[in-house]
Protein backbone atom coordinates (compact mmCIF):
# COMPACT_ATOMS: atom_id res chain seq x y z
CA MET A 1 12.93 -50.20 33.72
CA ARG A 2 13.37 -53.59 35.09
CA GLN A 3 10.00 -53.33 36.90
CA SER A 4 7.88 -52.56 33.87
CA THR A 5 9.54 -55.18 31.81
CA PRO A 6 11.07 -58.18 34.23
CA ASN A 7 12.23 -60.90 31.60
CA ALA A 8 14.82 -58.01 29.95
CA ALA A 9 17.91 -58.89 29.89
CA MET A 10 20.24 -56.81 32.36
CA ALA A 11 22.71 -56.73 29.32
CA LYS A 12 20.28 -55.05 27.49
CA LEU A 13 19.46 -53.10 30.51
CA VAL A 14 22.78 -51.45 31.21
CA GLU A 15 22.74 -50.92 27.65
CA MET A 16 19.90 -48.73 27.49
CA ALA A 17 21.06 -47.22 30.94
CA GLY A 18 24.23 -45.77 29.49
CA ILE A 19 22.48 -43.98 26.18
CA GLN A 20 19.66 -42.75 28.72
CA PHE A 21 21.96 -41.02 31.50
CA ASP A 22 24.89 -40.65 28.73
CA LEU A 23 26.92 -42.69 30.98
CA SER A 24 30.67 -42.46 29.87
CA PRO A 25 32.80 -45.76 29.49
CA ALA A 26 33.44 -46.59 32.82
CA ASP A 27 30.39 -46.15 34.11
CA GLU A 28 29.12 -48.81 31.60
CA GLU A 29 31.89 -51.18 32.68
CA PHE A 30 31.02 -50.56 36.24
CA LEU A 31 27.38 -51.53 35.77
CA TRP A 32 28.41 -54.72 33.73
CA ARG A 33 30.68 -56.11 36.49
CA THR A 34 28.31 -55.08 39.04
CA PHE A 35 24.63 -56.23 37.37
CA VAL A 36 25.43 -58.55 34.45
CA ALA A 37 28.53 -60.38 35.21
CA LYS A 38 27.50 -62.57 37.88
CA PRO A 39 24.70 -64.68 37.68
CA GLU A 40 21.97 -64.44 39.88
CA GLY A 41 22.50 -66.13 43.50
CA THR A 42 25.82 -66.93 43.32
CA ASP A 43 29.34 -65.47 43.70
CA GLU A 44 30.98 -66.81 40.68
CA PRO A 45 31.71 -64.49 38.10
CA ALA A 46 29.81 -65.49 34.70
CA VAL A 47 31.63 -66.55 31.36
CA GLU A 48 31.83 -62.99 29.28
CA PRO A 49 30.02 -62.79 26.37
């Protein structure tokens, strides 16, 4: 989905992946921490929303 809509918010993509692939809450949390919690190009964690 990221390829078809490159400006989509990563948080929304993680949410959609959870629905599409029937992910457990732990799996969604892993994706959130892996892809959403870090701003692109940095090693510092992002501020939690």
